Amino acid sequence: AFLDVSAAGRQWGDPAAIGQWIRDTVADEQRITCSVGGAPTKA
């Protein structure tokens, strides 16, 4: 999935912090791994 995090910084921190939280949470709760890419555009 794509996530628009342009308005999430105040609560969640910068994109690196958001990406790391997602990776940690998926691993902890679902016991699988994921990869995260971030950029100014979807492509």
All heavy atoms as atom14 arrays in JSON, in Angstrom:
{
  "sequence": "AFLDVSAAGRQWGDPAAIGQWIRDTVADEQRITCSVGGAPTKA",
  "atom14_mask": [
    [1, 1, 1, 1, 1, 0, 0, 0, 0, 0, 0, 0, 0, 0],
    [1, 1, 1, 1, 1, 1, 1, 1, 1, 1, 1, 0, 0, 0],
    [1, 1, 1, 1, 1, 1, 1, 1, 0, 0, 0, 0, 0, 0],
    [1, 1, 1, 1, 1, 1, 1, 1, 0, 0, 0, 0, 0, 0],
    [1, 1, 1, 1, 1, 1, 1, 0, 0, 0, 0, 0, 0, 0],
    [1, 1, 1, 1, 1, 1, 0, 0, 0, 0, 0, 0, 0, 0],
    [1, 1, 1, 1, 1, 0, 0, 0, 0, 0, 0, 0, 0, 0],
    [1, 1, 1, 1, 1, 0, 0, 0, 0, 0, 0, 0, 0, 0],
    [1, 1, 1, 1, 0, 0, 0, 0, 0, 0, 0, 0, 0, 0],
    [1, 1, 1, 1, 1, 1, 1, 1, 1, 1, 1, 0, 0, 0],
    [1, 1, 1, 1, 1, 1, 1, 1, 1, 0, 0, 0, 0, 0],
    [1, 1, 1, 1, 1, 1, 1, 1, 1, 1, 1, 1, 1, 1],
    [1, 1, 1, 1, 0, 0, 0, 0, 0, 0, 0, 0, 0, 0],
    [1, 1, 1, 1, 1, 1, 1, 1, 0, 0, 0, 0, 0, 0],
    [1, 1, 1, 1, 1, 1, 1, 0, 0, 0, 0, 0, 0, 0],
    [1, 1, 1, 1, 1, 0, 0, 0, 0, 0, 0, 0, 0, 0],
    [1, 1, 1, 1, 1, 0, 0, 0, 0, 0, 0, 0, 0, 0],
    [1, 1, 1, 1, 1, 1, 1, 1, 0, 0, 0, 0, 0, 0],
    [1, 1, 1, 1, 0, 0, 0, 0, 0, 0, 0, 0, 0, 0],
    [1, 1, 1, 1, 1, 1, 1, 1, 1, 0, 0, 0, 0, 0],
    [1, 1, 1, 1, 1, 1, 1, 1, 1, 1, 1, 1, 1, 1],
    [1, 1, 1, 1, 1, 1, 1, 1, 0, 0, 0, 0, 0, 0],
    [1, 1, 1, 1, 1, 1, 1, 1, 1, 1, 1, 0, 0, 0],
    [1, 1, 1, 1, 1, 1, 1, 1, 0, 0, 0, 0, 0, 0],
    [1, 1, 1, 1, 1, 1, 1, 0, 0, 0, 0, 0, 0, 0],
    [1, 1, 1, 1, 1, 1, 1, 0, 0, 0, 0, 0, 0, 0],
    [1, 1, 1, 1, 1, 0, 0, 0, 0, 0, 0, 0, 0, 0],
    [1, 1, 1, 1, 1, 1, 1, 1, 0, 0, 0, 0, 0, 0],
    [1, 1, 1, 1, 1, 1, 1, 1, 1, 0, 0, 0, 0, 0],
    [1, 1, 1, 1, 1, 1, 1, 1, 1, 0, 0, 0, 0, 0],
    [1, 1, 1, 1, 1, 1, 1, 1, 1, 1, 1, 0, 0, 0],
    [1, 1, 1, 1, 1, 1, 1, 1, 0, 0, 0, 0, 0, 0],
    [1, 1, 1, 1, 1, 1, 1, 0, 0, 0, 0, 0, 0, 0],
    [1, 1, 1, 1, 1, 1, 0, 0, 0, 0, 0, 0, 0, 0],
    [1, 1, 1, 1, 1, 1, 0, 0, 0, 0, 0, 0, 0, 0],
    [1, 1, 1, 1, 1, 1, 1, 0, 0, 0, 0, 0, 0, 0],
    [1, 1, 1, 1, 0, 0, 0, 0, 0, 0, 0, 0, 0, 0],
    [1, 1, 1, 1, 0, 0, 0, 0, 0, 0, 0, 0, 0, 0],
    [1, 1, 1, 1, 1, 0, 0, 0, 0, 0, 0, 0, 0, 0],
    [1, 1, 1, 1, 1, 1, 1, 0, 0, 0, 0, 0, 0, 0],
    [1, 1, 1, 1, 1, 1, 1, 0, 0, 0, 0, 0, 0, 0],
    [1, 1, 1, 1, 1, 1, 1, 1, 1, 0, 0, 0, 0, 0],
    [1, 1, 1, 1, 1, 0, 0, 0, 0, 0, 0, 0, 0, 0]
  ],
  "atom14_positions": [
    [[0.84, -1.2, 0.0], [0.0, 0.0, 0.0], [0.87, 1.24, 0.0], [2.03, 1.22, 0.45], [-0.92, 0.01, 1.22], [0.0, 0.0, 0.0], [0.0, 0.0, 0.0], [0.0, 0.0, 0.0], [0.0, 0.0, 0.0], [0.0, 0.0, 0.0], [0.0, 0.0, 0.0], [0.0, 0.0, 0.0], [0.0, 0.0, 0.0], [0.0, 0.0, 0.0]],
    [[0.29, 2.33, -0.51], [0.9, 3.65, -0.41], [0.27, 4.39, 0.77], [-0.95, 4.28, 1.01], [0.67, 4.47, -1.68], [1.42, 3.98, -2.88], [0.78, 3.26, -3.87], [2.78, 4.24, -3.02], [1.47, 2.81, -4.98], [3.48, 3.8, -4.12], [2.83, 3.07, -5.11], [0.0, 0.0, 0.0], [0.0, 0.0, 0.0], [0.0, 0.0, 0.0]],
    [[1.07, 5.16, 1.5], [0.59, 5.98, 2.6], [1.02, 7.42, 2.36], [2.2, 7.69, 2.12], [1.17, 5.52, 3.94], [0.66, 4.24, 4.59], [1.08, 3.0, 3.81], [1.17, 4.14, 6.03], [0.0, 0.0, 0.0], [0.0, 0.0, 0.0], [0.0, 0.0, 0.0], [0.0, 0.0, 0.0], [0.0, 0.0, 0.0], [0.0, 0.0, 0.0]],
    [[0.07, 8.34, 2.43], [0.38, 9.77, 2.39], [0.64, 10.21, 3.83], [-0.28, 10.27, 4.65], [-0.8, 10.54, 1.8], [-0.53, 12.04, 1.69], [0.37, 12.53, 2.39], [-1.23, 12.7, 0.92], [0.0, 0.0, 0.0], [0.0, 0.0, 0.0], [0.0, 0.0, 0.0], [0.0, 0.0, 0.0], [0.0, 0.0, 0.0], [0.0, 0.0, 0.0]],
    [[1.91, 10.48, 4.15], [2.28, 10.84, 5.53], [2.59, 12.33, 5.67], [3.22, 12.75, 6.64], [3.49, 9.99, 6.0], [3.13, 8.53, 6.06], [4.71, 10.21, 5.09], [0.0, 0.0, 0.0], [0.0, 0.0, 0.0], [0.0, 0.0, 0.0], [0.0, 0.0, 0.0], [0.0, 0.0, 0.0], [0.0, 0.0, 0.0], [0.0, 0.0, 0.0]],
    [[2.11, 13.13, 4.71], [2.44, 14.56, 4.72], [1.88, 15.27, 5.95], [2.43, 16.29, 6.39], [1.92, 15.23, 3.45], [0.51, 15.04, 3.32], [0.0, 0.0, 0.0], [0.0, 0.0, 0.0], [0.0, 0.0, 0.0], [0.0, 0.0, 0.0], [0.0, 0.0, 0.0], [0.0, 0.0, 0.0], [0.0, 0.0, 0.0], [0.0, 0.0, 0.0]],
    [[0.79, 14.74, 6.52], [0.17, 15.39, 7.68], [0.37, 14.58, 8.97], [-0.25, 14.88, 9.98], [-1.31, 15.6, 7.43], [0.0, 0.0, 0.0], [0.0, 0.0, 0.0], [0.0, 0.0, 0.0], [0.0, 0.0, 0.0], [0.0, 0.0, 0.0], [0.0, 0.0, 0.0], [0.0, 0.0, 0.0], [0.0, 0.0, 0.0], [0.0, 0.0, 0.0]],
    [[1.22, 13.55, 8.91], [1.37, 12.67, 10.07], [2.55, 13.03, 10.96], [2.74, 12.45, 12.02], [1.52, 11.22, 9.6], [0.0, 0.0, 0.0], [0.0, 0.0, 0.0], [0.0, 0.0, 0.0], [0.0, 0.0, 0.0], [0.0, 0.0, 0.0], [0.0, 0.0, 0.0], [0.0, 0.0, 0.0], [0.0, 0.0, 0.0], [0.0, 0.0, 0.0]],
    [[3.36, 14.0, 10.54], [4.6, 14.29, 11.25], [4.42, 14.78, 12.67], [5.19, 14.42, 13.57], [0.0, 0.0, 0.0], [0.0, 0.0, 0.0], [0.0, 0.0, 0.0], [0.0, 0.0, 0.0], [0.0, 0.0, 0.0], [0.0, 0.0, 0.0], [0.0, 0.0, 0.0], [0.0, 0.0, 0.0], [0.0, 0.0, 0.0], [0.0, 0.0, 0.0]],
    [[3.39, 15.59, 12.91], [3.23, 16.17, 14.25], [3.02, 15.07, 15.29], [3.55, 15.14, 16.4], [2.05, 17.14, 14.25], [1.79, 17.78, 15.61], [0.75, 18.88, 15.5], [1.21, 19.98, 14.64], [0.48, 21.06, 14.36], [-0.74, 21.17, 14.87], [0.96, 22.01, 13.58], [0.0, 0.0, 0.0], [0.0, 0.0, 0.0], [0.0, 0.0, 0.0]],
    [[2.23, 14.05, 14.95], [1.95, 12.99, 15.91], [3.0, 11.89, 15.89], [3.38, 11.36, 16.93], [0.57, 12.38, 15.64], [0.22, 11.23, 16.6], [-1.13, 10.6, 16.29], [-1.83, 11.06, 15.39], [-1.47, 9.57, 17.02], [0.0, 0.0, 0.0], [0.0, 0.0, 0.0], [0.0, 0.0, 0.0], [0.0, 0.0, 0.0], [0.0, 0.0, 0.0]],
    [[3.49, 11.55, 14.68], [4.29, 10.34, 14.53], [5.78, 10.6, 14.31], [6.57, 9.66, 14.32], [3.74, 9.52, 13.36], [2.39, 8.96, 13.66], [1.17, 9.54, 13.4], [2.1, 7.74, 14.33], [0.16, 8.73, 13.84], [0.7, 7.61, 14.41], [2.9, 6.72, 14.84], [0.07, 6.53, 15.0], [2.28, 5.62, 15.43], [0.88, 5.53, 15.51]],
    [[6.19, 11.82, 14.08], [7.59, 12.08, 13.83], [7.88, 12.11, 12.34], [6.97, 12.13, 11.5], [0.0, 0.0, 0.0], [0.0, 0.0, 0.0], [0.0, 0.0, 0.0], [0.0, 0.0, 0.0], [0.0, 0.0, 0.0], [0.0, 0.0, 0.0], [0.0, 0.0, 0.0], [0.0, 0.0, 0.0], [0.0, 0.0, 0.0], [0.0, 0.0, 0.0]],
    [[9.15, 12.09, 11.99], [9.52, 12.21, 10.58], [9.31, 10.88, 9.85], [8.99, 9.86, 10.46], [10.97, 12.7, 10.44], [11.98, 11.7, 10.95], [11.63, 10.52, 11.16], [13.15, 12.08, 11.12], [0.0, 0.0, 0.0], [0.0, 0.0, 0.0], [0.0, 0.0, 0.0], [0.0, 0.0, 0.0], [0.0, 0.0, 0.0], [0.0, 0.0, 0.0]],
    [[9.44, 10.86, 8.51], [9.16, 9.64, 7.74], [10.0, 8.44, 8.17], [9.52, 7.3, 8.11], [9.47, 10.07, 6.29], [9.23, 11.54, 6.29], [9.68, 12.03, 7.62], [0.0, 0.0, 0.0], [0.0, 0.0, 0.0], [0.0, 0.0, 0.0], [0.0, 0.0, 0.0], [0.0, 0.0, 0.0], [0.0, 0.0, 0.0], [0.0, 0.0, 0.0]],
    [[11.24, 8.68, 8.57], [12.08, 7.56, 9.02], [11.5, 6.92, 10.26], [11.48, 5.67, 10.38], [13.5, 8.05, 9.28], [0.0, 0.0, 0.0], [0.0, 0.0, 0.0], [0.0, 0.0, 0.0], [0.0, 0.0, 0.0], [0.0, 0.0, 0.0], [0.0, 0.0, 0.0], [0.0, 0.0, 0.0], [0.0, 0.0, 0.0], [0.0, 0.0, 0.0]],
    [[11.01, 7.73, 11.19], [10.41, 7.2, 12.41], [9.12, 6.44, 12.11], [8.86, 5.37, 12.67], [10.14, 8.33, 13.4], [0.0, 0.0, 0.0], [0.0, 0.0, 0.0], [0.0, 0.0, 0.0], [0.0, 0.0, 0.0], [0.0, 0.0, 0.0], [0.0, 0.0, 0.0], [0.0, 0.0, 0.0], [0.0, 0.0, 0.0], [0.0, 0.0, 0.0]],
    [[8.32, 6.99, 11.2], [7.07, 6.32, 10.82], [7.36, 4.97, 10.17], [6.76, 3.95, 10.51], [6.25, 7.21, 9.87], [5.81, 8.49, 10.59], [5.04, 6.46, 9.34], [5.17, 9.51, 9.67], [0.0, 0.0, 0.0], [0.0, 0.0, 0.0], [0.0, 0.0, 0.0], [0.0, 0.0, 0.0], [0.0, 0.0, 0.0], [0.0, 0.0, 0.0]],
    [[8.29, 4.97, 9.21], [8.63, 3.72, 8.52], [9.14, 2.67, 9.48], [8.78, 1.49, 9.38], [0.0, 0.0, 0.0], [0.0, 0.0, 0.0], [0.0, 0.0, 0.0], [0.0, 0.0, 0.0], [0.0, 0.0, 0.0], [0.0, 0.0, 0.0], [0.0, 0.0, 0.0], [0.0, 0.0, 0.0], [0.0, 0.0, 0.0], [0.0, 0.0, 0.0]],
    [[9.99, 3.07, 10.43], [10.54, 2.1, 11.37], [9.46, 1.56, 12.3], [9.44, 0.37, 12.62], [11.66, 2.74, 12.2], [12.44, 1.73, 13.04], [13.08, 0.67, 12.16], [13.75, 0.97, 11.18], [12.85, -0.59, 12.51], [0.0, 0.0, 0.0], [0.0, 0.0, 0.0], [0.0, 0.0, 0.0], [0.0, 0.0, 0.0], [0.0, 0.0, 0.0]],
    [[8.52, 2.44, 12.72], [7.42, 1.96, 13.57], [6.56, 0.96, 12.83], [6.15, -0.07, 13.41], [6.58, 3.15, 14.03], [5.46, 2.72, 14.95], [5.52, 2.48, 16.28], [4.1, 2.46, 14.55], [4.28, 2.09, 16.75], [3.4, 2.06, 15.71], [3.42, 2.52, 13.33], [2.04, 1.73, 15.69], [2.07, 2.18, 13.3], [1.4, 1.79, 14.47]],
    [[6.27, 1.23, 11.58], [5.47, 0.29, 10.8], [6.18, -1.06, 10.69], [5.58, -2.13, 10.92], [5.17, 0.86, 9.4], [4.18, 2.02, 9.5], [4.63, -0.22, 8.46], [3.97, 2.77, 8.2], [0.0, 0.0, 0.0], [0.0, 0.0, 0.0], [0.0, 0.0, 0.0], [0.0, 0.0, 0.0], [0.0, 0.0, 0.0], [0.0, 0.0, 0.0]],
    [[7.46, -1.04, 10.38], [8.21, -2.29, 10.24], [8.23, -3.07, 11.55], [8.02, -4.29, 11.58], [9.63, -2.01, 9.76], [9.69, -1.44, 8.35], [11.12, -1.16, 7.91], [11.88, -2.39, 7.89], [13.08, -2.56, 8.46], [13.65, -1.56, 9.09], [13.69, -3.7, 8.38], [0.0, 0.0, 0.0], [0.0, 0.0, 0.0], [0.0, 0.0, 0.0]],
    [[8.49, -2.38, 12.66], [8.53, -3.04, 13.96], [7.18, -3.6, 14.36], [7.08, -4.72, 14.88], [9.01, -2.05, 15.04], [10.46, -1.65, 14.88], [11.19, -2.36, 14.14], [10.87, -0.63, 15.47], [0.0, 0.0, 0.0], [0.0, 0.0, 0.0], [0.0, 0.0, 0.0], [0.0, 0.0, 0.0], [0.0, 0.0, 0.0], [0.0, 0.0, 0.0]],
    [[6.11, -2.84, 14.08], [4.78, -3.27, 14.49], [4.31, -4.47, 13.67], [3.71, -5.41, 14.22], [3.78, -2.1, 14.36], [4.27, -0.99, 15.11], [2.41, -2.49, 14.9], [0.0, 0.0, 0.0], [0.0, 0.0, 0.0], [0.0, 0.0, 0.0], [0.0, 0.0, 0.0], [0.0, 0.0, 0.0], [0.0, 0.0, 0.0], [0.0, 0.0, 0.0]],
    [[4.54, -4.44, 12.37], [4.18, -5.59, 11.53], [4.94, -6.84, 11.99], [4.36, -7.93, 12.1], [4.46, -5.28, 10.05], [4.34, -6.55, 9.2], [3.51, -4.21, 9.52], [0.0, 0.0, 0.0], [0.0, 0.0, 0.0], [0.0, 0.0, 0.0], [0.0, 0.0, 0.0], [0.0, 0.0, 0.0], [0.0, 0.0, 0.0], [0.0, 0.0, 0.0]],
    [[6.21, -6.69, 12.28], [7.01, -7.84, 12.73], [6.53, -8.36, 14.07], [6.39, -9.58, 14.28], [8.48, -7.45, 12.8], [0.0, 0.0, 0.0], [0.0, 0.0, 0.0], [0.0, 0.0, 0.0], [0.0, 0.0, 0.0], [0.0, 0.0, 0.0], [0.0, 0.0, 0.0], [0.0, 0.0, 0.0], [0.0, 0.0, 0.0], [0.0, 0.0, 0.0]],
    [[6.24, -7.46, 15.01], [5.82, -7.87, 16.34], [4.43, -8.5, 16.35], [4.21, -9.52, 17.01], [5.83, -6.67, 17.3], [7.23, -6.19, 17.61], [8.19, -6.94, 17.33], [7.37, -5.05, 18.1], [0.0, 0.0, 0.0], [0.0, 0.0, 0.0], [0.0, 0.0, 0.0], [0.0, 0.0, 0.0], [0.0, 0.0, 0.0], [0.0, 0.0, 0.0]],
    [[3.48, -7.87, 15.63], [2.09, -8.32, 15.71], [1.75, -9.43, 14.72], [0.92, -10.29, 15.02], [1.15, -7.13, 15.49], [1.25, -6.07, 16.58], [0.22, -4.97, 16.4], [-0.58, -5.04, 15.44], [0.22, -4.04, 17.22], [0.0, 0.0, 0.0], [0.0, 0.0, 0.0], [0.0, 0.0, 0.0], [0.0, 0.0, 0.0], [0.0, 0.0, 0.0]],
    [[2.38, -9.41, 13.54], [2.02, -10.39, 12.51], [3.12, -11.41, 12.23], [2.92, -12.35, 11.47], [1.63, -9.67, 11.22], [0.46, -8.71, 11.38], [-0.78, -9.41, 11.95], [-1.11, -10.51, 11.53], [-1.45, -8.76, 12.9], [0.0, 0.0, 0.0], [0.0, 0.0, 0.0], [0.0, 0.0, 0.0], [0.0, 0.0, 0.0], [0.0, 0.0, 0.0]],
    [[4.3, -11.2, 12.79], [5.43, -12.14, 12.67], [5.89, -12.32, 11.22], [6.35, -13.39, 10.83], [5.08, -13.49, 13.29], [4.83, -13.41, 14.8], [4.44, -14.76, 15.36], [3.14, -15.18, 14.85], [2.8, -16.44, 14.64], [3.67, -17.41, 14.86], [1.59, -16.73, 14.19], [0.0, 0.0, 0.0], [0.0, 0.0, 0.0], [0.0, 0.0, 0.0]],
    [[5.73, -11.26, 10.41], [6.28, -11.25, 9.07], [7.04, -9.94, 8.9], [6.9, -9.03, 9.72], [5.19, -11.38, 7.97], [4.2, -10.22, 8.05], [4.47, -12.72, 8.09], [3.17, -10.22, 6.94], [0.0, 0.0, 0.0], [0.0, 0.0, 0.0], [0.0, 0.0, 0.0], [0.0, 0.0, 0.0], [0.0, 0.0, 0.0], [0.0, 0.0, 0.0]],
    [[7.83, -9.83, 7.84], [8.62, -8.61, 7.63], [8.09, -7.84, 6.43], [7.4, -8.39, 5.56], [10.11, -8.94, 7.4], [10.25, -9.7, 6.19], [10.67, -9.74, 8.57], [0.0, 0.0, 0.0], [0.0, 0.0, 0.0], [0.0, 0.0, 0.0], [0.0, 0.0, 0.0], [0.0, 0.0, 0.0], [0.0, 0.0, 0.0], [0.0, 0.0, 0.0]],
    [[8.43, -6.56, 6.4], [8.04, -5.72, 5.27], [9.18, -4.77, 4.94], [10.07, -4.53, 5.77], [6.77, -4.94, 5.56], [6.9, -3.76, 6.93], [0.0, 0.0, 0.0], [0.0, 0.0, 0.0], [0.0, 0.0, 0.0], [0.0, 0.0, 0.0], [0.0, 0.0, 0.0], [0.0, 0.0, 0.0], [0.0, 0.0, 0.0], [0.0, 0.0, 0.0]],
    [[9.15, -4.24, 3.74], [10.14, -3.25, 3.3], [9.41, -1.94, 3.03], [8.29, -1.93, 2.54], [10.86, -3.74, 2.04], [11.59, -4.92, 2.32], [0.0, 0.0, 0.0], [0.0, 0.0, 0.0], [0.0, 0.0, 0.0], [0.0, 0.0, 0.0], [0.0, 0.0, 0.0], [0.0, 0.0, 0.0], [0.0, 0.0, 0.0], [0.0, 0.0, 0.0]],
    [[10.08, -0.84, 3.36], [9.47, 0.48, 3.24], [10.32, 1.36, 2.34], [11.54, 1.44, 2.49], [9.34, 1.14, 4.63], [8.79, 2.57, 4.5], [8.45, 0.31, 5.54], [0.0, 0.0, 0.0], [0.0, 0.0, 0.0], [0.0, 0.0, 0.0], [0.0, 0.0, 0.0], [0.0, 0.0, 0.0], [0.0, 0.0, 0.0], [0.0, 0.0, 0.0]],
    [[9.64, 2.0, 1.39], [10.29, 3.01, 0.56], [9.59, 4.33, 0.75], [8.36, 4.37, 0.91], [0.0, 0.0, 0.0], [0.0, 0.0, 0.0], [0.0, 0.0, 0.0], [0.0, 0.0, 0.0], [0.0, 0.0, 0.0], [0.0, 0.0, 0.0], [0.0, 0.0, 0.0], [0.0, 0.0, 0.0], [0.0, 0.0, 0.0], [0.0, 0.0, 0.0]],
    [[10.34, 5.41, 0.74], [9.74, 6.73, 0.9], [10.32, 7.71, -0.09], [11.5, 7.63, -0.45], [0.0, 0.0, 0.0], [0.0, 0.0, 0.0], [0.0, 0.0, 0.0], [0.0, 0.0, 0.0], [0.0, 0.0, 0.0], [0.0, 0.0, 0.0], [0.0, 0.0, 0.0], [0.0, 0.0, 0.0], [0.0, 0.0, 0.0], [0.0, 0.0, 0.0]],
    [[9.47, 8.63, -0.56], [9.91, 9.62, -1.56], [8.86, 10.71, -1.65], [7.78, 10.61, -1.05], [10.1, 8.94, -2.92], [0.0, 0.0, 0.0], [0.0, 0.0, 0.0], [0.0, 0.0, 0.0], [0.0, 0.0, 0.0], [0.0, 0.0, 0.0], [0.0, 0.0, 0.0], [0.0, 0.0, 0.0], [0.0, 0.0, 0.0], [0.0, 0.0, 0.0]],
    [[9.13, 11.75, -2.43], [8.1, 12.78, -2.65], [6.97, 12.31, -3.56], [5.94, 12.99, -3.65], [8.89, 13.93, -3.31], [10.32, 13.65, -2.99], [10.44, 12.17, -2.95], [0.0, 0.0, 0.0], [0.0, 0.0, 0.0], [0.0, 0.0, 0.0], [0.0, 0.0, 0.0], [0.0, 0.0, 0.0], [0.0, 0.0, 0.0], [0.0, 0.0, 0.0]],
    [[7.15, 11.19, -4.29], [6.13, 10.71, -5.23], [5.91, 9.21, -5.05], [6.77, 8.48, -4.54], [6.55, 10.97, -6.68], [7.7, 10.17, -6.99], [6.88, 12.44, -6.92], [0.0, 0.0, 0.0], [0.0, 0.0, 0.0], [0.0, 0.0, 0.0], [0.0, 0.0, 0.0], [0.0, 0.0, 0.0], [0.0, 0.0, 0.0], [0.0, 0.0, 0.0]],
    [[4.76, 8.75, -5.54], [4.43, 7.33, -5.45], [5.4, 6.47, -6.25], [5.85, 5.42, -5.78], [3.0, 7.09, -5.94], [1.93, 7.57, -4.99], [0.54, 7.54, -5.62], [0.1, 6.16, -6.02], [-1.31, 6.18, -6.52], [0.0, 0.0, 0.0], [0.0, 0.0, 0.0], [0.0, 0.0, 0.0], [0.0, 0.0, 0.0], [0.0, 0.0, 0.0]],
    [[5.71, 6.9, -7.47], [6.55, 6.08, -8.34], [7.93, 5.85, -7.74], [8.45, 4.72, -7.74], [6.68, 6.74, -9.71], [0.0, 0.0, 0.0], [0.0, 0.0, 0.0], [0.0, 0.0, 0.0], [0.0, 0.0, 0.0], [0.0, 0.0, 0.0], [0.0, 0.0, 0.0], [0.0, 0.0, 0.0], [0.0, 0.0, 0.0], [0.0, 0.0, 0.0]]
  ]
}
